[in-house]
Amino acid sequence: MEIGINLFSVNQALNEDYFKTLERVAECGYRNVELIATNKHGARFGDTIPLPALKKKLAELGLNPIAAHEGIMPGVNLNEVDWDSIIKYNYELGVNRIVIPILRIDTIHDTLTTAEQLNKIGINCRENGIQLYIHNHALEFKKEDDTTLFHLLVENTDPSNLKVELDLVWVTRGGNEPVAVLEWLGERCDMVHQRDLKKDISYPINIFDELTEADKGLTYQDLHMKYRRPDLFVDLGTGSFDFEQVYRKIKQLGYVKYAFVESDGERADKFRSIANDLNYLKQYI
């Protein structure tokens, strides 16, 4: 298993100076990166940064582009995205894993429709040398008919077409146990995202225990933004996440290849923070 960083961790700096930010990430000691496709305005970084220049810069810095988050803007259907161009761009960049970072599913119908779409996109990816993944947040673990929307989505997609990059803390926020979900996913999960949870908070960890009656009428997107709570996340090792227990099990399972740091929220010095995160996580890898 290797450590990497999702570049959303330094999103603000990335928007200000992309290449300088990559340099500072490398200086922190990272060698594996997970790219993010869009800037804070929703435009693709690739529209302003030539692919050959980015590929050269990554090579110069010794940064391996393991995966790329290809976000879908709110209100945009998965089928409305130019996946052919996205797949071609990532393949030429040397990225062979595309991750859809958020799935706005509210109902069983939404979930089954999304599963059908993901199967088709996953086939397209696989036929062109790319593996498709989804990344979870908390609300995908909404319970419906003795299961969750997350489990229903996974059960209705082909393992060869879709894998899972499991965000361990968002699993906890969704009222589930990370180890139990990892065991259930099996080899479909070979990448995880790692955050840490603030020790003392004034609201429930389980997001579903927080929701009000009025929240029931809100969409996934509105609920997610309302309860995203960046203040919940802290530097690795300073919160309540049980690294020893979870990573002991991850090692026993043996199929997780990459653990990506995702430093959400504000810090006094984001680069010092992600350097500390890397050094802390090394104890368990």
Foldseek 3Di string as FASTA:
>chain_A
DAEAAECLLVQVVCVVPVLVVVLLLLVLPHQEYEAEQAHPVRHGPCVPDPLVNVLVSSVVSNHHHAEYADEDDPPDDLVNDPLVVVLVSCVVSVYAEYEHEEQFDDDLVSLLVVLVSLQVSLVVSVVSRHAYEYEYAQQQQCDDPNGGSVVSSVVSHDLSSYAYAYAQLRCVLNVHHSLVVCVVRALSHQHYEDWAFAADDDDDSHLVRVDDPVCSPDTSVVSCVVPVPLVGTDQPPNHDDDLQVRLVSVVVSPNHNYYYYRNGDDDPDSSVRVSSNNVVCVVRD
